[in-house]
PDB file of N, CA and C in Angstrom:
ATOM      1  N   MET A   1      -7.247  -7.121  32.810  1.00  0.00           N
ATOM      2  CA  MET A   1      -6.237  -5.897  32.384  1.00  0.00           C
ATOM      3  C   MET A   1      -6.991  -4.642  32.766  1.00  0.00           C
ATOM      4  N   ASN A   2      -6.242  -3.475  32.751  1.00  0.00           N
ATOM      5  CA  ASN A   2      -6.882  -2.349  33.383  1.00  0.00           C
ATOM      6  C   ASN A   2      -7.412  -1.744  31.867  1.00  0.00           C
ATOM      7  N   ALA A   3      -8.178  -0.987  31.996  1.00  0.00           N
ATOM      8  CA  ALA A   3      -9.496  -0.721  30.741  1.00  0.00           C
ATOM      9  C   ALA A   3      -8.700   0.505  30.411  1.00  0.00           C
ATOM     10  N   GLU A   4      -8.048   1.369  30.497  1.00  0.00           N
ATOM     11  CA  GLU A   4      -7.662   2.250  30.118  1.00  0.00           C
ATOM     12  C   GLU A   4      -6.153   1.709  29.260  1.00  0.00           C
ATOM     13  N   LEU A   5      -5.174   0.823  29.520  1.00  0.00           N
ATOM     14  CA  LEU A   5      -4.589   0.321  28.875  1.00  0.00           C
ATOM     15  C   LEU A   5      -5.102  -0.979  27.510  1.00  0.00           C
ATOM     16  N   GLU A   6      -6.060  -1.380  27.695  1.00  0.00           N
ATOM     17  CA  GLU A   6      -6.953  -1.982  26.852  1.00  0.00           C
ATOM     18  C   GLU A   6      -7.330  -1.524  25.723  1.00  0.00           C
ATOM     19  N   TYR A   7      -7.790  -0.350  26.211  1.00  0.00           N
ATOM     20  CA  TYR A   7      -8.179   0.872  25.353  1.00  0.00           C
ATOM     21  C   TYR A   7      -7.054   1.703  24.423  1.00  0.00           C
ATOM     22  N   THR A   8      -5.890   1.982  24.899  1.00  0.00           N
ATOM     23  CA  THR A   8      -4.521   2.234  24.148  1.00  0.00           C
ATOM     24  C   THR A   8      -4.134   1.024  23.591  1.00  0.00           C
ATOM     25  N   MET A   9      -4.331  -0.019  23.895  1.00  0.00           N
ATOM     26  CA  MET A   9      -3.955  -1.172  23.043  1.00  0.00           C
ATOM     27  C   MET A   9      -5.215  -0.635  21.637  1.00  0.00           C
ATOM     28  N   MET A  10      -5.979  -1.099  21.682  1.00  0.00           N
ATOM     29  CA  MET A  10      -7.141  -1.055  20.808  1.00  0.00           C
ATOM     30  C   MET A  10      -6.926  -0.078  19.832  1.00  0.00           C
ATOM     31  N   GLN A  11      -6.686   1.040  20.246  1.00  0.00           N
ATOM     32  CA  GLN A  11      -6.036   2.646  19.412  1.00  0.00           C
ATOM     33  C   GLN A  11      -4.959   2.029  18.596  1.00  0.00           C
ATOM     34  N   HIS A  12      -4.132   1.730  19.496  1.00  0.00           N
ATOM     35  CA  HIS A  12      -2.955   1.322  18.495  1.00  0.00           C
ATOM     36  C   HIS A  12      -2.666   0.270  17.766  1.00  0.00           C
ATOM     37  N   HIS A  13      -3.623  -0.803  17.756  1.00  0.00           N
ATOM     38  CA  HIS A  13      -4.063  -1.555  16.786  1.00  0.00           C
ATOM     39  C   HIS A  13      -4.891  -1.166  15.604  1.00  0.00           C
ATOM     40  N   ALA A  14      -6.181  -0.234  16.003  1.00  0.00           N
ATOM     41  CA  ALA A  14      -6.583  -0.034  15.071  1.00  0.00           C
ATOM     42  C   ALA A  14      -5.873   1.269  13.963  1.00  0.00           C
ATOM     43  N   ALA A  15      -4.848   1.742  14.499  1.00  0.00           N
ATOM     44  CA  ALA A  15      -4.311   2.718  13.796  1.00  0.00           C
ATOM     45  C   ALA A  15      -3.186   1.944  12.732  1.00  0.00           C
ATOM     46  N   GLU A  16      -3.066   0.930  13.430  1.00  0.00           N
ATOM     47  CA  GLU A  16      -1.754  -0.254  12.370  1.00  0.00           C
ATOM     48  C   GLU A  16      -2.602  -0.689  11.258  1.00  0.00           C
ATOM     49  N   LEU A  17      -4.136  -1.306  11.309  1.00  0.00           N
ATOM     50  CA  LEU A  17      -5.027  -1.574  10.654  1.00  0.00           C
ATOM     51  C   LEU A  17      -5.280  -0.448   9.352  1.00  0.00           C
ATOM     52  N   ARG A  18      -5.301   0.695  10.301  1.00  0.00           N
ATOM     53  CA  ARG A  18      -5.787   2.041   9.038  1.00  0.00           C
ATOM     54  C   ARG A  18      -4.538   1.979   7.884  1.00  0.00           C
ATOM     55  N   ALA A  19      -3.139   1.799   8.477  1.00  0.00           N
ATOM     56  CA  ALA A  19      -1.853   2.035   7.861  1.00  0.00           C
ATOM     57  C   ALA A  19      -1.590   0.930   6.837  1.00  0.00           C
ATOM     58  N   ALA A  20      -2.146  -0.314   7.622  1.00  0.00           N
ATOM     59  CA  ALA A  20      -2.206  -1.319   6.615  1.00  0.00           C
ATOM     60  C   ALA A  20      -2.682  -1.057   5.234  1.00  0.00           C
ATOM     61  N   ALA A  21      -4.019  -0.862   5.618  1.00  0.00           N
ATOM     62  CA  ALA A  21      -5.244  -0.880   4.577  1.00  0.00           C
ATOM     63  C   ALA A  21      -4.915   0.613   3.637  1.00  0.00           C
ATOM     64  N   ALA A  22      -4.650   1.479   4.294  1.00  0.00           N
ATOM     65  CA  ALA A  22      -3.721   2.409   3.220  1.00  0.00           C
ATOM     66  C   ALA A  22      -2.641   2.118   2.309  1.00  0.00           C
ATOM     67  N   GLU A  23      -1.719   1.202   2.907  1.00  0.00           N
ATOM     68  CA  GLU A  23      -0.720   0.591   2.368  1.00  0.00           C
ATOM     69  C   GLU A  23      -1.510  -0.329   1.061  1.00  0.00           C
ATOM     70  N   GLN A  24      -1.994  -0.837   1.106  1.00  0.00           N
ATOM     71  CA  GLN A  24      -3.048  -1.752   0.507  1.00  0.00           C
ATOM     72  C   GLN A  24      -3.352  -1.080  -0.526  1.00  0.00           C
ATOM     73  N   ARG A  25      -4.231   0.018  -0.551  1.00  0.00           N
ATOM     74  CA  ARG A  25      -4.887   1.346  -1.248  1.00  0.00           C
ATOM     75  C   ARG A  25      -3.850   1.538  -2.306  1.00  0.00           C
ATOM     76  N   ARG A  26      -2.571   2.014  -1.656  1.00  0.00           N
ATOM     77  CA  ARG A  26      -1.593   2.735  -2.439  1.00  0.00           C
ATOM     78  C   ARG A  26      -0.822   1.402  -3.428  1.00  0.00           C
ATOM     79  N   VAL A  27      -0.977   0.293  -3.215  1.00  0.00           N
ATOM     80  CA  VAL A  27      -0.456  -0.821  -3.918  1.00  0.00           C
ATOM     81  C   VAL A  27      -1.531  -1.145  -4.730  1.00  0.00           C
ATOM     82  N   ARG A  28      -2.375  -1.079  -4.693  1.00  0.00           N
ATOM     83  CA  ARG A  28      -3.481  -1.493  -5.641  1.00  0.00           C
ATOM     84  C   ARG A  28      -3.485  -0.785  -6.740  1.00  0.00           C
ATOM     85  N   GLU A  29      -3.546   0.245  -6.333  1.00  0.00           N
ATOM     86  CA  GLU A  29      -3.784   1.935  -7.309  1.00  0.00           C
ATOM     87  C   GLU A  29      -2.775   1.752  -8.330  1.00  0.00           C
ATOM     88  N   ALA A  30      -1.119   1.482  -7.921  1.00  0.00           N
ATOM     89  CA  ALA A  30      -0.096   1.418  -8.211  1.00  0.00           C
ATOM     90  C   ALA A  30      -0.054   0.393  -9.315  1.00  0.00           C
ATOM     91  N   SER A  31      -0.795  -0.639  -8.792  1.00  0.00           N
ATOM     92  CA  SER A  31      -0.745  -1.718  -9.926  1.00  0.00           C
ATOM     93  C   SER A  31      -1.671  -1.513 -10.809  1.00  0.00           C
ATOM     94  N   ARG A  32      -2.742  -0.855 -10.431  1.00  0.00           N
ATOM     95  CA  ARG A  32      -3.704  -0.678 -11.596  1.00  0.00           C
ATOM     96  C   ARG A  32      -3.246   0.286 -12.674  1.00  0.00           C
ATOM     97  N   THR A  33      -2.282   1.325 -12.435  1.00  0.00           N
ATOM     98  CA  THR A  33      -1.788   2.333 -13.475  1.00  0.00           C
ATOM     99  C   THR A  33      -0.447   1.815 -14.110  1.00  0.00           C
ATOM    100  N   ARG A  34       0.332   1.021 -13.750  1.00  0.00           N
ATOM    101  CA  ARG A  34       1.722   0.483 -13.987  1.00  0.00           C
ATOM    102  C   ARG A  34       1.321  -0.191 -15.393  1.00  0.00           C
ATOM    103  N   PRO A  35       0.129  -1.359 -15.613  1.00  0.00           N
ATOM    104  CA  PRO A  35       0.408  -2.050 -16.749  1.00  0.00           C
ATOM    105  C   PRO A  35      -0.186  -1.421 -17.853  1.00  0.00           C
ATOM    106  N   VAL A  36      -0.336  -0.137 -17.613  1.00  0.00           N
ATOM    107  CA  VAL A  36      -0.986   0.407 -18.877  1.00  0.00           C
ATOM    108  C   VAL A  36       0.294   1.425 -19.241  1.00  0.00           C
ATOM    109  N   GLU A  37       0.974   1.741 -18.487  1.00  0.00           N
ATOM    110  CA  GLU A  37       2.274   2.682 -18.846  1.00  0.00           C
ATOM    111  C   GLU A  37       3.201   1.426 -19.355  1.00  0.00           C
ATOM    112  N   ARG A  38       3.343   0.097 -19.210  1.00  0.00           N
ATOM    113  CA  ARG A  38       3.937  -0.873 -19.647  1.00  0.00           C
ATOM    114  C   ARG A  38       3.955  -1.572 -21.192  1.00  0.00           C
ATOM    115  N   ARG A  39       2.406  -1.333 -21.151  1.00  0.00           N
ATOM    116  CA  ARG A  39       1.897  -1.404 -22.775  1.00  0.00           C
ATOM    117  C   ARG A  39       2.605  -0.616 -23.758  1.00  0.00           C
ATOM    118  N   HIS A  40       2.811   0.491 -23.599  1.00  0.00           N
ATOM    119  CA  HIS A  40       2.812   1.586 -24.146  1.00  0.00           C
ATOM    120  C   HIS A  40       4.176   1.758 -24.532  1.00  0.00           C
ATOM    121  N   ARG A  41       5.086   1.364 -23.821  1.00  0.00           N
ATOM    122  CA  ARG A  41       6.873   1.149 -23.744  1.00  0.00           C
ATOM    123  C   ARG A  41       7.058   0.307 -24.682  1.00  0.00           C
ATOM    124  N   SER A  42       8.194   0.998 -25.487  1.00  0.00           N
ATOM    125  CA  SER A  42       8.808   0.192 -26.183  1.00  0.00           C
ATOM    126  C   SER A  42      10.017  -1.029 -25.879  1.00  0.00           C
ATOM    127  N   VAL A  43      10.322  -1.868 -26.157  1.00  0.00           N
ATOM    128  CA  VAL A  43      11.220  -3.064 -25.392  1.00  0.00           C
ATOM    129  C   VAL A  43      12.538  -2.384 -25.262  1.00  0.00           C
ATOM    130  N   PHE A  44      13.136  -1.265 -25.770  1.00  0.00           N
ATOM    131  CA  PHE A  44      14.207  -0.464 -25.370  1.00  0.00           C
ATOM    132  C   PHE A  44      14.172   0.488 -24.039  1.00  0.00           C
ATOM    133  N   ALA A  45      12.729   0.984 -24.217  1.00  0.00           N
ATOM    134  CA  ALA A  45      12.873   1.545 -22.659  1.00  0.00           C
ATOM    135  C   ALA A  45      12.456   0.698 -22.049  1.00  0.00           C
ATOM    136  N   ARG A  46      11.822  -0.081 -21.795  1.00  0.00           N
ATOM    137  CA  ARG A  46      11.926  -1.356 -20.779  1.00  0.00           C
ATOM    138  C   ARG A  46      12.998  -1.832 -20.516  1.00  0.00           C
ATOM    139  N   PHE A  47      14.023  -1.832 -21.394  1.00  0.00           N
ATOM    140  CA  PHE A  47      15.384  -2.274 -21.018  1.00  0.00           C
ATOM    141  C   PHE A  47      16.551  -1.275 -20.132  1.00  0.00           C
ATOM    142  N   LEU A  48      15.794  -0.015 -20.666  1.00  0.00           N
ATOM    143  CA  LEU A  48      16.524   0.792 -19.925  1.00  0.00           C
ATOM    144  C   LEU A  48      16.102   1.323 -18.420  1.00  0.00           C
ATOM    145  N   ALA A  49      14.638   0.740 -18.361  1.00  0.00           N
ATOM    146  CA  ALA A  49      14.039   0.956 -17.032  1.00  0.00           C
ATOM    147  C   ALA A  49      14.564  -0.101 -15.695  1.00  0.00           C
ATOM    148  N   SER A  50      14.818  -1.099 -16.801  1.00  0.00           N
ATOM    149  CA  SER A  50      15.538  -2.261 -15.584  1.00  0.00           C
ATOM    150  C   SER A  50      16.743  -1.971 -14.679  1.00  0.00           C
TER     151      SER A  50
END
């Protein structure tokens, strides 16, 4: 395979991995903050939110 094409494919793959890692960080951060919110919400507020 052409070296330039390989390099471009590697760059694209690295960009996809960075995007996936960023998404995982966002999900982890959101899951850390959500349980705290839920604990303090009343049953009625949870019913309205669903």
